[in-house]
């Protein structure tokens, strides 16, 4: 289920498409998924470099985190794997959006 507030936090169409795709792929118990940039690009009709750009943007907006993975080949050689995406609680993104709005207006929040 995608929260309606997704349309209120300043995401563009590319960020929304990638976020929705990651939500579709995620494991509902762990909130993680492992699609490659190429797989995401194919599903969202974006280039690999465009996907990379907007994945970083989603991280910056506190919607996801990423972690590099390693795979071991049949020859026992470690290779870079795809990123592991962790979908963060949506409230984190809302809170960050409001923090940034306040900061842009010169208002500091107390913790």
N, C-alpha and C. Protein backbone atom coordinates (compact mmCIF):
# COMPACT_ATOMS: atom_id res chain seq x y z
N UNK A 1 0.85 -1.18 0.00
CA UNK A 1 0.00 0.00 0.00
C UNK A 1 0.89 1.24 0.00
N UNK A 2 0.65 2.14 -0.91
CA UNK A 2 1.43 3.37 -1.03
C UNK A 2 0.67 4.50 -0.34
N UNK A 3 1.32 5.20 0.59
CA UNK A 3 0.65 6.30 1.29
C UNK A 3 0.33 7.45 0.34
N UNK A 4 -0.82 8.08 0.52
CA UNK A 4 -1.20 9.23 -0.31
C UNK A 4 -0.21 10.38 -0.19
N UNK A 5 0.44 10.49 0.94
CA UNK A 5 1.38 11.60 1.18
C UNK A 5 2.59 11.54 0.26
N UNK A 6 2.77 10.44 -0.45
CA UNK A 6 3.89 10.33 -1.39
C UNK A 6 3.84 11.48 -2.40
N UNK A 7 2.63 11.97 -2.69
CA UNK A 7 2.47 13.03 -3.67
C UNK A 7 2.66 14.42 -3.06
N UNK A 8 2.93 14.49 -1.77
CA UNK A 8 3.05 15.78 -1.08
C UNK A 8 4.49 16.09 -0.67
N UNK A 9 5.43 15.20 -0.93
CA UNK A 9 6.79 15.43 -0.43
C UNK A 9 7.79 15.80 -1.52
N UNK A 10 7.28 16.21 -2.66
CA UNK A 10 8.15 16.75 -3.68
C UNK A 10 8.90 15.74 -4.54
N UNK A 11 8.36 14.53 -4.67
CA UNK A 11 9.00 13.55 -5.54
C UNK A 11 8.65 13.83 -7.00
N UNK A 12 9.60 13.57 -7.88
CA UNK A 12 9.27 13.70 -9.30
C UNK A 12 8.81 12.35 -9.84
N UNK A 13 8.43 12.32 -11.11
CA UNK A 13 7.86 11.10 -11.71
C UNK A 13 8.85 9.94 -11.71
N UNK A 14 10.15 10.23 -11.85
CA UNK A 14 11.15 9.17 -11.87
C UNK A 14 11.32 8.56 -10.48
N UNK A 15 11.37 9.42 -9.47
CA UNK A 15 11.49 8.93 -8.09
C UNK A 15 10.27 8.09 -7.71
N UNK A 16 9.09 8.55 -8.10
CA UNK A 16 7.87 7.81 -7.79
C UNK A 16 7.89 6.45 -8.47
N UNK A 17 8.26 6.41 -9.74
CA UNK A 17 8.28 5.13 -10.47
C UNK A 17 9.25 4.14 -9.84
N UNK A 18 10.44 4.61 -9.49
CA UNK A 18 11.44 3.71 -8.88
C UNK A 18 10.98 3.27 -7.50
N UNK A 19 10.47 4.20 -6.71
CA UNK A 19 9.99 3.87 -5.36
C UNK A 19 8.87 2.83 -5.43
N UNK A 20 7.91 3.04 -6.32
CA UNK A 20 6.81 2.09 -6.46
C UNK A 20 7.34 0.71 -6.89
N UNK A 21 8.31 0.70 -7.79
CA UNK A 21 8.87 -0.58 -8.24
C UNK A 21 9.56 -1.31 -7.08
N UNK A 22 10.34 -0.55 -6.29
CA UNK A 22 11.01 -1.17 -5.14
C UNK A 22 9.98 -1.69 -4.13
N UNK A 23 8.91 -0.94 -3.94
CA UNK A 23 7.85 -1.40 -3.02
C UNK A 23 7.23 -2.70 -3.55
N UNK A 24 7.08 -2.79 -4.86
CA UNK A 24 6.51 -4.00 -5.46
C UNK A 24 7.44 -5.20 -5.25
N UNK A 25 8.74 -4.96 -5.29
CA UNK A 25 9.72 -6.05 -5.18
C UNK A 25 10.04 -6.45 -3.75
N UNK A 26 9.78 -5.58 -2.80
CA UNK A 26 10.27 -5.82 -1.45
C UNK A 26 9.67 -7.05 -0.78
N UNK A 27 10.44 -7.65 0.08
CA UNK A 27 9.98 -8.72 0.94
C UNK A 27 9.17 -8.06 2.06
N UNK A 28 7.94 -8.41 2.22
CA UNK A 28 7.05 -7.73 3.17
C UNK A 28 7.44 -7.94 4.64
N UNK A 29 8.29 -8.90 4.91
CA UNK A 29 8.74 -9.13 6.29
C UNK A 29 10.03 -8.37 6.60
N UNK A 30 10.93 -8.31 5.61
CA UNK A 30 12.23 -7.68 5.86
C UNK A 30 12.33 -6.26 5.31
N UNK A 31 11.38 -5.88 4.43
CA UNK A 31 11.37 -4.57 3.76
C UNK A 31 12.62 -4.38 2.90
N UNK A 32 13.14 -5.49 2.35
CA UNK A 32 14.34 -5.44 1.53
C UNK A 32 14.06 -6.07 0.17
N UNK A 33 14.85 -5.64 -0.82
CA UNK A 33 14.81 -6.26 -2.14
C UNK A 33 16.15 -6.03 -2.83
N UNK A 34 16.38 -6.73 -3.93
CA UNK A 34 17.71 -6.75 -4.55
C UNK A 34 17.71 -6.54 -6.06
N UNK A 35 16.80 -5.80 -6.66
CA UNK A 35 16.85 -5.66 -8.12
C UNK A 35 18.07 -4.85 -8.57
N UNK A 36 18.61 -5.20 -9.72
CA UNK A 36 19.74 -4.44 -10.27
C UNK A 36 19.24 -3.13 -10.88
N UNK A 37 20.17 -2.20 -11.10
CA UNK A 37 19.81 -0.96 -11.78
C UNK A 37 19.20 -1.27 -13.15
N UNK A 38 19.77 -2.25 -13.83
CA UNK A 38 19.28 -2.63 -15.16
C UNK A 38 17.84 -3.16 -15.07
N UNK A 39 17.56 -3.98 -14.08
CA UNK A 39 16.21 -4.53 -13.90
C UNK A 39 15.22 -3.42 -13.59
N UNK A 40 15.59 -2.52 -12.71
CA UNK A 40 14.70 -1.38 -12.38
C UNK A 40 14.48 -0.53 -13.63
N UNK A 41 15.56 -0.27 -14.37
CA UNK A 41 15.45 0.54 -15.58
C UNK A 41 14.53 -0.09 -16.61
N UNK A 42 14.64 -1.38 -16.77
CA UNK A 42 13.79 -2.08 -17.73
C UNK A 42 12.31 -1.97 -17.32
N UNK A 43 12.05 -2.14 -16.04
CA UNK A 43 10.67 -2.08 -15.54
C UNK A 43 10.08 -0.68 -15.60
N UNK A 44 10.93 0.33 -15.44
CA UNK A 44 10.44 1.72 -15.38
C UNK A 44 10.72 2.51 -16.65
N UNK A 45 11.32 1.86 -17.65
CA UNK A 45 11.65 2.50 -18.93
C UNK A 45 12.64 3.65 -18.75
N UNK A 46 13.67 3.43 -17.91
CA UNK A 46 14.71 4.42 -17.66
C UNK A 46 16.07 3.79 -17.93
N UNK A 47 17.04 4.65 -18.24
CA UNK A 47 18.40 4.15 -18.42
C UNK A 47 18.99 3.79 -17.05
N UNK A 48 20.03 3.00 -17.09
CA UNK A 48 20.72 2.59 -15.86
C UNK A 48 21.24 3.81 -15.10
N UNK A 49 21.80 4.78 -15.80
CA UNK A 49 22.34 5.97 -15.12
C UNK A 49 21.23 6.83 -14.53
N UNK A 50 20.09 6.88 -15.18
CA UNK A 50 18.95 7.63 -14.62
C UNK A 50 18.47 6.95 -13.34
N UNK A 51 18.39 5.62 -13.37
CA UNK A 51 17.99 4.87 -12.17
C UNK A 51 18.97 5.15 -11.04
N UNK A 52 20.26 5.10 -11.33
CA UNK A 52 21.27 5.35 -10.30
C UNK A 52 21.08 6.73 -9.67
N UNK A 53 20.85 7.72 -10.50
CA UNK A 53 20.66 9.10 -10.03
C UNK A 53 19.47 9.20 -9.07
N UNK A 54 18.36 8.59 -9.45
CA UNK A 54 17.16 8.73 -8.63
C UNK A 54 17.13 7.79 -7.43
N UNK A 55 17.88 6.71 -7.48
CA UNK A 55 18.05 5.89 -6.27
C UNK A 55 18.76 6.71 -5.21
N UNK A 56 19.81 7.42 -5.61
CA UNK A 56 20.52 8.30 -4.65
C UNK A 56 19.59 9.37 -4.10
N UNK A 57 18.72 9.89 -4.95
CA UNK A 57 17.77 10.90 -4.52
C UNK A 57 16.77 10.33 -3.50
N UNK A 58 16.32 9.11 -3.74
CA UNK A 58 15.40 8.47 -2.77
C UNK A 58 16.09 8.23 -1.43
N UNK A 59 17.38 7.92 -1.48
CA UNK A 59 18.14 7.77 -0.23
C UNK A 59 18.21 9.11 0.49
N UNK A 60 18.51 10.15 -0.25
CA UNK A 60 18.62 11.49 0.32
C UNK A 60 17.30 11.94 0.95
N UNK A 61 16.20 11.47 0.42
CA UNK A 61 14.88 11.86 0.92
C UNK A 61 14.36 10.90 1.99
N UNK A 62 15.23 10.01 2.46
CA UNK A 62 14.92 9.08 3.56
C UNK A 62 13.81 8.08 3.25
N UNK A 63 13.67 7.74 1.98
CA UNK A 63 12.69 6.72 1.62
C UNK A 63 13.30 5.33 1.58
N UNK A 64 14.59 5.26 1.25
CA UNK A 64 15.28 3.97 1.18
C UNK A 64 16.71 4.12 1.68
N UNK A 65 17.31 3.00 2.00
CA UNK A 65 18.76 2.93 2.16
C UNK A 65 19.24 1.83 1.22
N UNK A 66 20.51 1.90 0.87
CA UNK A 66 21.09 0.85 0.04
C UNK A 66 22.34 0.32 0.70
N UNK A 67 22.64 -0.91 0.39
CA UNK A 67 23.84 -1.54 0.93
C UNK A 67 24.44 -2.41 -0.17
N UNK A 68 25.73 -2.32 -0.36
CA UNK A 68 26.40 -3.15 -1.36
C UNK A 68 26.42 -4.60 -0.88
N UNK A 69 26.27 -5.51 -1.83
CA UNK A 69 26.31 -6.94 -1.51
C UNK A 69 27.47 -7.58 -2.28
N UNK A 70 27.85 -8.75 -1.85
CA UNK A 70 28.91 -9.52 -2.50
C UNK A 70 28.36 -10.90 -2.82
N UNK A 71 28.74 -11.40 -3.96
CA UNK A 71 28.37 -12.77 -4.34
C UNK A 71 29.64 -13.57 -4.53
N UNK A 72 29.57 -14.84 -4.26
CA UNK A 72 30.70 -15.75 -4.44
C UNK A 72 30.41 -16.60 -5.67
N UNK A 73 31.32 -16.57 -6.64
CA UNK A 73 31.14 -17.34 -7.86
C UNK A 73 31.44 -18.81 -7.60
N UNK A 74 31.17 -19.64 -8.61
CA UNK A 74 31.46 -21.07 -8.51
C UNK A 74 32.95 -21.32 -8.27
N UNK A 75 33.78 -20.37 -8.72
CA UNK A 75 35.23 -20.48 -8.56
C UNK A 75 35.70 -19.90 -7.23
N UNK A 76 34.79 -19.64 -6.31
CA UNK A 76 35.10 -19.06 -5.01
C UNK A 76 35.74 -17.67 -5.09
N UNK A 77 35.31 -16.89 -6.07
CA UNK A 77 35.78 -15.52 -6.23
C UNK A 77 34.66 -14.58 -5.78
N UNK A 78 35.02 -13.62 -4.93
CA UNK A 78 34.03 -12.64 -4.46
C UNK A 78 33.85 -11.56 -5.53
N UNK A 79 32.62 -11.27 -5.85
CA UNK A 79 32.29 -10.24 -6.83
C UNK A 79 31.24 -9.31 -6.23
N UNK A 80 31.19 -8.10 -6.77
CA UNK A 80 30.14 -7.17 -6.34
C UNK A 80 28.79 -7.72 -6.78
N UNK A 81 27.84 -7.68 -5.86
CA UNK A 81 26.48 -8.09 -6.18
C UNK A 81 25.64 -6.84 -6.45
N UNK A 82 24.35 -7.03 -6.54
CA UNK A 82 23.46 -5.89 -6.70
C UNK A 82 23.31 -5.19 -5.35
N UNK A 83 22.74 -4.01 -5.38
CA UNK A 83 22.47 -3.32 -4.12
C UNK A 83 21.32 -4.00 -3.40
N UNK A 84 21.38 -3.96 -2.09
CA UNK A 84 20.24 -4.38 -1.28
C UNK A 84 19.51 -3.09 -0.90
N UNK A 85 18.25 -3.02 -1.24
CA UNK A 85 17.43 -1.86 -0.92
C UNK A 85 16.61 -2.15 0.32
N UNK A 86 16.58 -1.21 1.23
CA UNK A 86 15.76 -1.33 2.44
C UNK A 86 14.76 -0.18 2.37
N UNK A 87 13.49 -0.52 2.33
CA UNK A 87 12.43 0.48 2.29
C UNK A 87 12.20 0.96 3.72
N UNK A 88 12.41 2.25 3.94
CA UNK A 88 12.29 2.82 5.29
C UNK A 88 10.84 3.17 5.60
N UNK A 89 10.50 3.29 6.88
CA UNK A 89 9.15 3.72 7.24
C UNK A 89 8.85 5.06 6.58
N UNK A 90 7.69 5.16 5.98
CA UNK A 90 7.34 6.37 5.23
C UNK A 90 7.36 7.62 6.11
N UNK A 91 7.05 7.47 7.38
CA UNK A 91 7.04 8.63 8.28
C UNK A 91 8.42 9.29 8.35
N UNK A 92 9.50 8.51 8.19
CA UNK A 92 10.85 9.09 8.17
C UNK A 92 11.00 10.11 7.05
N UNK A 93 10.45 9.76 5.87
CA UNK A 93 10.53 10.67 4.72
C UNK A 93 9.69 11.93 4.97
N UNK A 94 8.53 11.76 5.55
CA UNK A 94 7.67 12.92 5.86
C UNK A 94 8.38 13.84 6.85
N UNK A 95 8.95 13.27 7.89
CA UNK A 95 9.66 14.06 8.90
C UNK A 95 10.83 14.81 8.28
N UNK A 96 11.59 14.13 7.42
CA UNK A 96 12.74 14.77 6.77
C UNK A 96 12.28 15.89 5.84
N UNK A 97 11.21 15.66 5.12
CA UNK A 97 10.65 16.69 4.22
C UNK A 97 10.28 17.94 5.02
N UNK A 98 9.61 17.74 6.15
CA UNK A 98 9.21 18.89 6.98
C UNK A 98 10.43 19.58 7.60
N UNK A 99 11.41 18.80 8.03
CA UNK A 99 12.66 19.39 8.57
C UNK A 99 13.32 20.30 7.53
N UNK A 100 13.37 19.82 6.31
CA UNK A 100 14.00 20.60 5.24
C UNK A 100 13.20 21.85 4.91
N UNK A 101 11.89 21.73 4.91
CA UNK A 101 11.06 22.91 4.65
C UNK A 101 11.29 23.97 5.72
N UNK A 102 11.32 23.54 6.97
CA UNK A 102 11.54 24.48 8.06
C UNK A 102 12.94 25.10 7.96
N UNK A 103 13.93 24.28 7.65
CA UNK A 103 15.30 24.79 7.53
C UNK A 103 15.42 25.79 6.39
N UNK A 104 14.73 25.53 5.30
CA UNK A 104 14.75 26.46 4.17
C UNK A 104 14.10 27.80 4.52
N UNK A 105 13.26 27.80 5.53
CA UNK A 105 12.60 29.02 5.98
C UNK A 105 13.29 29.60 7.21
N UNK A 106 14.45 29.07 7.55
CA UNK A 106 15.24 29.60 8.66
C UNK A 106 14.72 29.22 10.04
N UNK A 107 13.96 28.16 10.11
CA UNK A 107 13.40 27.71 11.39
C UNK A 107 14.13 26.46 11.82
N UNK A 108 14.62 26.43 13.06
CA UNK A 108 15.29 25.24 13.59
C UNK A 108 14.35 24.50 14.51
N UNK A 109 14.39 23.19 14.42
CA UNK A 109 13.56 22.35 15.29
C UNK A 109 14.39 21.87 16.46
N UNK A 110 13.77 21.79 17.63
CA UNK A 110 14.42 21.19 18.81
C UNK A 110 14.07 19.71 18.84
N UNK A 111 15.01 18.91 19.31
CA UNK A 111 14.77 17.46 19.38
C UNK A 111 14.10 17.10 20.65
